[in-house]
Amino acid sequence: MVNQERGLQMPIYVGVIPLDDSVDAKLLITLLTKTDKNVQKQIFNSNSNISHYYFQRYQSRVSFITANPKDLFSCIDLVNMVDFVLFVTPNDANVLESNEIDRLFTVLYSQGLPSTLFAVMSNLLDLKDLKRIIDSKFLVQEDKIRILNNIDDACVFMRFITTSKTPLNFNRDKLSIHAGPSATCQTAARLRSSIFAESIECLPCLENQDEVFIRVKGLNKGAPFVLSESLANETIELDSTGPYVYLPGWGDFKVDSVAWQKAKSIGNKNEDTKFFAWSRRKQFDVEEDEQQQMHEQEMIEADDQCLPCNLYLALLIIFL
């Protein structure tokens, strides 16, 4: 029963923010993945800062998302969507007393942080001195500051995040797939269904040269993506030809088409990948190999349907 439940679970999202240019976030992620010799990596976009893994040892999916601490808006979006934030500190704790780091902590703390951890990749750093500096910005518990210098340390860390009882951010799988009255008011941001965009393409609109399509690919995170309900807004006149999607940092966009594939259950290698599609015009241009795998019964109509959370999707968004 445990394996079946975990087989359909959402990945645990860990946001990795290095606090200095000398910190190698990729090296840290590599160390964490070496804790399981049977780890499986899922690659959706090799150029993306998001890496997805299935750890057989912990029976869990974990996704690592790296961010640049100098990009405050990206860091704000990151902490609002991930389950854990992992700040990787440099060997010199005095670096954390700089104005840039102080501004980063102030901004993120004011936005509200999920479960926060600090990692040190060296035994030479005095943890008491590090805790003193961090406590001057906001209080942290001693067990939230961890040394990650070898495989044993990494195993303890991975065991912690995969077994933590902390409620995962945006864990709304219990929402009904039918959008009720409380879920269909104002704007698409009402449910905060967020997308970790791993690739963005600009496509021409053949019907109107003044419009372009933005194809966004990534994992849908949070509440189900409602396909059937039109939005109601008293101040902005919105037509009911299709749903809107909220992209963090960008706002609401009308969705022209969407295609997605359901994530396979963990450990079920014989399970077929199922593809689905929805279009505002009831048509969607997909690749031939994907189209052959779609069956007419698998096509999702707009009536009373939502997009579940654990899906990898591609959106075509009208950008005016």
Protein backbone atom coordinates (compact mmCIF):
# COMPACT_ATOMS: atom_id res chain seq x y z
CA MET A 1 0.00 0.00 0.00
CA VAL A 2 2.84 2.40 0.84
CA ASN A 3 4.56 1.74 -2.47
CA GLN A 4 1.33 2.31 -4.39
CA GLU A 5 0.70 5.62 -2.65
CA ARG A 6 4.25 6.81 -3.18
CA GLY A 7 4.15 5.66 -6.77
CA LEU A 8 1.63 8.35 -7.61
CA GLN A 9 3.01 11.10 -5.39
CA MET A 10 4.22 14.47 -6.51
CA PRO A 11 7.98 15.01 -6.49
CA ILE A 12 9.53 16.69 -3.49
CA TYR A 13 10.80 20.02 -4.74
CA VAL A 14 14.06 21.26 -3.25
CA GLY A 15 15.19 24.76 -4.15
CA VAL A 16 18.98 25.09 -4.07
CA ILE A 17 20.31 28.64 -3.64
CA PRO A 18 24.11 29.02 -3.46
CA LEU A 19 25.07 32.05 -1.38
CA ASP A 20 28.37 32.73 -3.11
CA ASP A 21 29.96 32.29 -6.54
CA SER A 22 32.48 29.88 -5.02
CA VAL A 23 29.69 27.40 -4.19
CA ASP A 24 29.07 24.71 -6.80
CA ALA A 25 25.38 23.76 -6.61
CA LYS A 26 25.80 21.03 -9.24
CA LEU A 27 28.49 19.37 -7.15
CA LEU A 28 26.13 19.32 -4.17
CA ILE A 29 23.31 17.75 -6.22
CA THR A 30 25.75 15.15 -7.57
CA LEU A 31 26.75 14.27 -4.00
CA LEU A 32 23.09 13.82 -3.02
CA THR A 33 22.35 11.57 -6.00
CA LYS A 34 25.30 9.32 -5.14
CA THR A 35 23.45 8.20 -2.02
CA ASP A 36 21.50 5.77 -4.20
CA LYS A 37 23.31 3.65 -6.77
CA ASN A 38 19.98 2.89 -8.45
CA VAL A 39 18.90 6.51 -8.81
CA GLN A 40 17.05 7.29 -12.04
CA LYS A 41 17.29 10.71 -13.68
CA GLN A 42 14.51 12.14 -15.81
CA ILE A 43 15.68 14.68 -18.37
CA PHE A 44 13.10 16.97 -19.91
CA ASN A 45 15.51 19.72 -20.93
CA SER A 46 19.26 19.35 -20.54
CA ASN A 47 19.70 23.14 -20.45
CA SER A 48 17.22 23.62 -17.63
CA ASN A 49 18.13 24.41 -14.03
CA ILE A 50 15.65 21.73 -12.92
CA SER A 51 16.73 18.10 -12.47
CA HIS A 52 14.33 15.27 -11.63
CA TYR A 53 15.33 12.05 -9.88
CA TYR A 54 13.68 8.92 -8.57
CA PHE A 55 15.53 7.52 -5.55
CA GLN A 56 14.74 3.83 -5.24
CA ARG A 57 16.46 3.71 -1.86
CA TYR A 58 14.01 6.24 -0.42
CA GLN A 59 11.06 5.35 -2.66
CA SER A 60 10.64 9.02 -3.51
CA ARG A 61 10.80 11.43 -6.40
CA VAL A 62 12.95 14.49 -5.73
CA SER A 63 13.41 17.49 -8.02
CA PHE A 64 16.22 19.99 -7.49
CA ILE A 65 15.81 23.55 -8.76
CA THR A 66 18.77 25.91 -8.64
CA ALA A 67 18.47 29.69 -8.56
CA ASN A 68 20.80 32.65 -8.80
CA PRO A 69 20.81 34.58 -5.49
CA LYS A 70 21.42 37.82 -7.39
CA ASP A 71 18.07 37.40 -9.17
CA LEU A 72 15.66 38.32 -6.37
CA PHE A 73 12.47 37.82 -8.40
CA SER A 74 13.48 34.29 -9.41
CA CYS A 75 14.30 33.46 -5.80
CA ILE A 76 10.93 34.81 -4.64
CA ASP A 77 9.08 32.64 -7.17
CA LEU A 78 11.22 29.67 -6.20
CA VAL A 79 10.54 29.80 -2.45
CA ASN A 80 6.81 30.21 -3.13
CA MET A 81 6.69 26.92 -5.05
CA VAL A 82 9.22 24.51 -3.53
CA ASP A 83 8.82 22.28 -0.48
CA PHE A 84 12.32 22.86 0.91
CA VAL A 85 14.79 25.70 0.46
CA LEU A 86 18.43 24.70 0.75
CA PHE A 87 20.88 27.57 1.15
CA VAL A 88 24.41 26.42 0.37
CA THR A 89 26.91 28.52 2.32
CA PRO A 90 30.53 29.18 1.35
CA ASN A 91 33.51 28.18 3.48
CA ASP A 92 33.86 31.75 4.76
CA ALA A 93 30.87 32.59 6.94
CA ASN A 94 31.69 36.30 6.81
CA VAL A 95 30.42 36.36 3.22
CA LEU A 96 26.90 36.07 4.63
CA GLU A 97 27.27 39.49 6.25
CA SER A 98 27.42 41.24 2.88
CA ASN A 99 24.69 43.65 1.84
CA GLU A 100 23.57 41.41 -1.05
CA ILE A 101 22.99 38.37 1.17
CA ASP A 102 21.32 40.52 3.81
CA ARG A 103 18.91 41.88 1.18
CA LEU A 104 18.23 38.36 -0.13
CA PHE A 105 17.35 37.03 3.34
CA THR A 106 15.22 40.08 4.12
CA VAL A 107 13.21 39.78 0.91
CA LEU A 108 12.68 36.02 1.16
CA TYR A 109 11.86 36.11 4.86
CA SER A 110 9.24 38.84 4.28
CA GLN A 111 7.65 36.68 1.55
CA GLY A 112 7.42 33.66 3.83
CA LEU A 113 9.76 30.70 3.65
CA PRO A 114 8.91 26.99 3.50
CA SER A 115 11.05 24.49 5.42
CA THR A 116 14.52 26.06 5.29
CA LEU A 117 17.86 24.28 5.53
CA PHE A 118 21.48 25.41 5.35
CA ALA A 119 24.24 23.22 3.96
CA VAL A 120 27.99 23.55 4.37
CA MET A 121 30.28 21.55 2.09
CA SER A 122 33.33 21.85 4.33
CA ASN A 123 34.34 20.71 7.82
CA LEU A 124 36.50 23.80 8.28
CA LEU A 125 33.60 26.18 8.88
CA ASP A 126 32.63 26.89 12.47
CA LEU A 127 28.93 26.01 12.69
CA LYS A 128 28.44 28.12 15.82
CA ASP A 129 29.79 31.16 14.03
CA LEU A 130 27.56 30.40 11.04
CA LYS A 131 24.49 30.04 13.25
CA ARG A 132 25.30 33.34 14.95
CA ILE A 133 25.33 35.14 11.61
CA ILE A 134 22.13 33.49 10.43
CA ASP A 135 20.34 34.16 13.72
CA SER A 136 21.11 37.84 13.26
CA LYS A 137 18.82 37.74 10.23
CA PHE A 138 16.21 35.17 11.35
CA LEU A 139 16.24 32.37 13.89
CA VAL A 140 17.01 28.82 12.76
CA GLN A 141 17.26 25.58 14.68
CA GLU A 142 20.61 23.87 15.01
CA ASP A 143 19.43 20.77 13.14
CA LYS A 144 18.62 22.97 10.13
CA ILE A 145 22.32 23.63 9.55
CA ARG A 146 23.95 20.53 8.11
CA ILE A 147 27.42 19.57 6.91
CA LEU A 148 27.33 17.84 3.51
CA ASN A 149 30.89 16.74 2.97
CA ASN A 150 30.58 13.00 2.33
CA ILE A 151 28.11 10.27 1.37
CA ASP A 152 27.07 9.59 4.96
CA ASP A 153 26.11 13.24 5.48
CA ALA A 154 24.22 13.22 2.19
CA CYS A 155 22.32 10.05 3.16
CA VAL A 156 21.17 11.62 6.42
CA PHE A 157 20.03 14.72 4.54
CA MET A 158 18.11 12.76 1.87
CA ARG A 159 16.49 10.59 4.54
CA PHE A 160 15.35 13.76 6.30
CA ILE A 161 13.69 15.45 3.33
CA THR A 162 12.04 12.24 2.08
CA THR A 163 10.58 11.33 5.47
CA SER A 164 9.85 14.80 6.80
CA LYS A 165 6.38 15.31 8.23
CA THR A 166 6.43 18.96 7.19
CA PRO A 167 3.36 19.64 5.01
CA LEU A 168 4.55 19.96 1.45
CA ASN A 169 3.95 23.31 -0.21
CA PHE A 170 0.87 23.51 -2.45
CA ASN A 171 -0.17 19.96 -1.57
CA ARG A 172 -3.75 20.21 -2.83
CA ASP A 173 -4.30 16.80 -4.32
CA LYS A 174 -7.49 16.51 -2.25
CA LEU A 175 -9.18 19.20 -4.33
CA SER A 176 -12.03 17.91 -6.41
CA ILE A 177 -11.37 17.57 -10.12
CA HIS A 178 -14.59 19.49 -10.65
CA ALA A 179 -14.11 23.20 -10.16
CA GLY A 180 -16.65 24.33 -7.59
CA PRO A 181 -18.01 27.86 -7.15
CA SER A 182 -15.21 28.79 -4.74
CA ALA A 183 -12.59 27.81 -7.32
CA THR A 184 -13.93 29.81 -10.24
CA CYS A 185 -13.80 33.41 -9.11
CA GLN A 186 -11.68 36.34 -10.23
CA THR A 187 -8.44 35.12 -11.82
CA ALA A 188 -6.47 31.99 -12.59
CA ALA A 189 -4.19 32.86 -9.69
CA ARG A 190 -7.04 31.82 -7.38
CA LEU A 191 -5.69 28.26 -7.15
CA ARG A 192 -2.03 29.16 -7.68
CA SER A 193 -1.45 26.37 -10.16
CA SER A 194 2.19 27.09 -10.97
CA ILE A 195 4.38 25.78 -13.75
CA PHE A 196 8.11 25.15 -13.49
CA ALA A 197 8.90 26.25 -17.03
CA GLU A 198 11.79 24.18 -18.37
CA SER A 199 11.64 25.52 -21.90
CA ILE A 200 9.97 28.47 -23.62
CA GLU A 201 9.45 28.83 -27.36
CA CYS A 202 7.89 31.61 -29.42
CA LEU A 203 5.63 30.41 -32.25
CA PRO A 204 3.83 32.52 -34.89
CA CYS A 205 0.05 32.79 -34.96
CA LEU A 206 -1.19 32.08 -38.47
CA GLU A 207 -4.65 33.51 -37.80
CA ASN A 208 -3.49 36.89 -36.54
CA GLN A 209 -0.08 38.41 -37.21
CA ASP A 210 -0.48 40.73 -34.22
CA GLU A 211 -0.43 37.75 -31.86
CA VAL A 212 2.17 35.15 -31.05
CA PHE A 213 2.04 31.84 -29.21
CA ILE A 214 4.35 31.05 -26.32
CA ARG A 215 4.90 27.32 -25.82
CA VAL A 216 5.78 26.61 -22.20
CA LYS A 217 6.91 23.15 -21.15
CA GLY A 218 7.30 22.00 -17.59
CA LEU A 219 5.76 20.38 -14.54
CA ASN A 220 2.41 21.58 -13.23
CA LYS A 221 2.78 22.30 -9.52
CA GLY A 222 0.03 22.91 -7.02
CA ALA A 223 -3.70 22.93 -7.59
CA PRO A 224 -5.32 21.21 -10.60
CA PHE A 225 -5.31 23.24 -13.79
CA VAL A 226 -8.98 23.94 -14.58
CA LEU A 227 -9.80 23.55 -18.27
CA SER A 228 -13.55 23.90 -18.28
CA GLU A 229 -14.43 26.99 -16.27
CA SER A 230 -14.49 30.51 -17.64
CA LEU A 231 -13.22 33.23 -15.34
CA ALA A 232 -15.32 35.99 -13.87
CA ASN A 233 -13.85 39.39 -13.22
CA GLU A 234 -15.90 42.48 -12.61
CA THR A 235 -13.25 44.94 -13.72
CA ILE A 236 -11.73 43.11 -16.69
CA GLU A 237 -13.87 41.74 -19.46
CA LEU A 238 -12.77 38.18 -20.20
CA ASP A 239 -14.31 35.96 -22.82
CA SER A 240 -15.28 32.39 -22.05
CA THR A 241 -13.48 30.73 -24.95
CA GLY A 242 -10.97 29.00 -22.73
CA PRO A 243 -9.12 28.93 -19.41
CA TYR A 244 -6.33 31.15 -18.14
CA VAL A 245 -3.11 30.01 -16.56
CA TYR A 246 -1.09 31.86 -13.95
CA LEU A 247 2.66 31.97 -14.56
CA PRO A 248 4.55 33.23 -11.49
CA GLY A 249 6.10 36.59 -12.19
CA TRP A 250 4.25 36.99 -15.49
CA GLY A 251 0.57 37.02 -14.60
CA ASP A 252 -2.53 35.49 -16.23
CA PHE A 253 -2.50 34.24 -19.82
CA LYS A 254 -5.20 32.70 -21.95
CA VAL A 255 -4.48 29.09 -22.89
CA ASP A 256 -4.95 28.14 -26.52
CA SER A 257 -3.94 24.49 -26.28
CA VAL A 258 -2.47 22.09 -23.80
CA ALA A 259 -1.00 18.60 -24.09
CA TRP A 260 0.22 16.49 -21.22
CA GLN A 261 1.38 13.05 -20.28
CA LYS A 262 0.59 11.32 -17.04
CA ALA A 263 3.52 10.44 -14.83
CA LYS A 264 4.22 6.72 -14.58
CA SER A 265 3.84 4.95 -11.27
CA ILE A 266 7.08 4.27 -9.45
CA GLY A 267 8.43 0.81 -10.12
CA ASN A 268 5.90 -0.02 -12.84
CA LYS A 269 8.10 -0.36 -15.92
CA ASN A 270 5.34 -2.02 -17.96
CA GLU A 271 2.95 0.91 -17.60
CA ASP A 272 2.26 2.69 -20.89
CA THR A 273 2.73 6.43 -21.05
CA LYS A 274 -0.63 8.08 -21.65
CA PHE A 275 -0.89 11.29 -23.65
CA PHE A 276 -3.79 13.70 -23.49
CA ALA A 277 -4.64 16.92 -25.26
CA TRP A 278 -7.09 19.79 -25.05
CA SER A 279 -7.57 22.71 -27.39
CA ARG A 280 -9.72 25.80 -27.42
CA ARG A 281 -10.52 24.87 -31.04
CA LYS A 282 -10.75 21.14 -30.22
CA GLN A 283 -7.60 20.55 -32.25
CA PHE A 284 -3.99 20.42 -31.24
CA ASP A 285 -0.90 20.04 -33.34
CA VAL A 286 1.30 17.42 -31.67
CA GLU A 287 4.16 15.32 -32.87
CA GLU A 288 3.26 12.32 -35.02
CA ASP A 289 4.69 9.77 -32.60
CA GLU A 290 2.66 11.27 -29.77
CA GLN A 291 -0.46 11.50 -31.89
CA GLN A 292 -0.27 7.80 -32.70
CA GLN A 293 -0.27 6.99 -29.00
CA MET A 294 -3.39 9.05 -28.37
CA HIS A 295 -6.72 7.33 -28.53
CA GLU A 296 -9.98 9.12 -29.11
CA GLN A 297 -11.21 7.97 -25.71
CA GLU A 298 -8.18 9.53 -24.08
CA MET A 299 -8.90 12.97 -25.49
CA ILE A 300 -10.05 15.19 -22.68
CA GLU A 301 -13.03 17.38 -23.49
CA ALA A 302 -13.47 20.71 -21.81
CA ASP A 303 -16.57 19.77 -19.83
CA ASP A 304 -15.93 19.21 -16.11
CA GLN A 305 -12.24 18.40 -16.45
CA CYS A 306 -9.12 19.56 -14.69
CA LEU A 307 -5.45 18.95 -15.16
CA PRO A 308 -4.07 16.84 -12.26
CA CYS A 309 -0.96 17.91 -10.41
CA ASN A 310 1.58 15.23 -11.29
CA LEU A 311 1.76 15.89 -15.01
CA TYR A 312 4.34 17.10 -17.47
CA LEU A 313 2.64 19.50 -19.84
CA ALA A 314 3.12 21.82 -22.77
CA LEU A 315 1.05 24.97 -23.05
CA LEU A 316 0.35 27.24 -25.97
CA ILE A 317 -0.42 30.64 -24.54
CA ILE A 318 -1.78 33.58 -26.46
CA PHE A 319 0.50 36.54 -25.89
CA LEU A 320 -1.03 39.82 -27.02
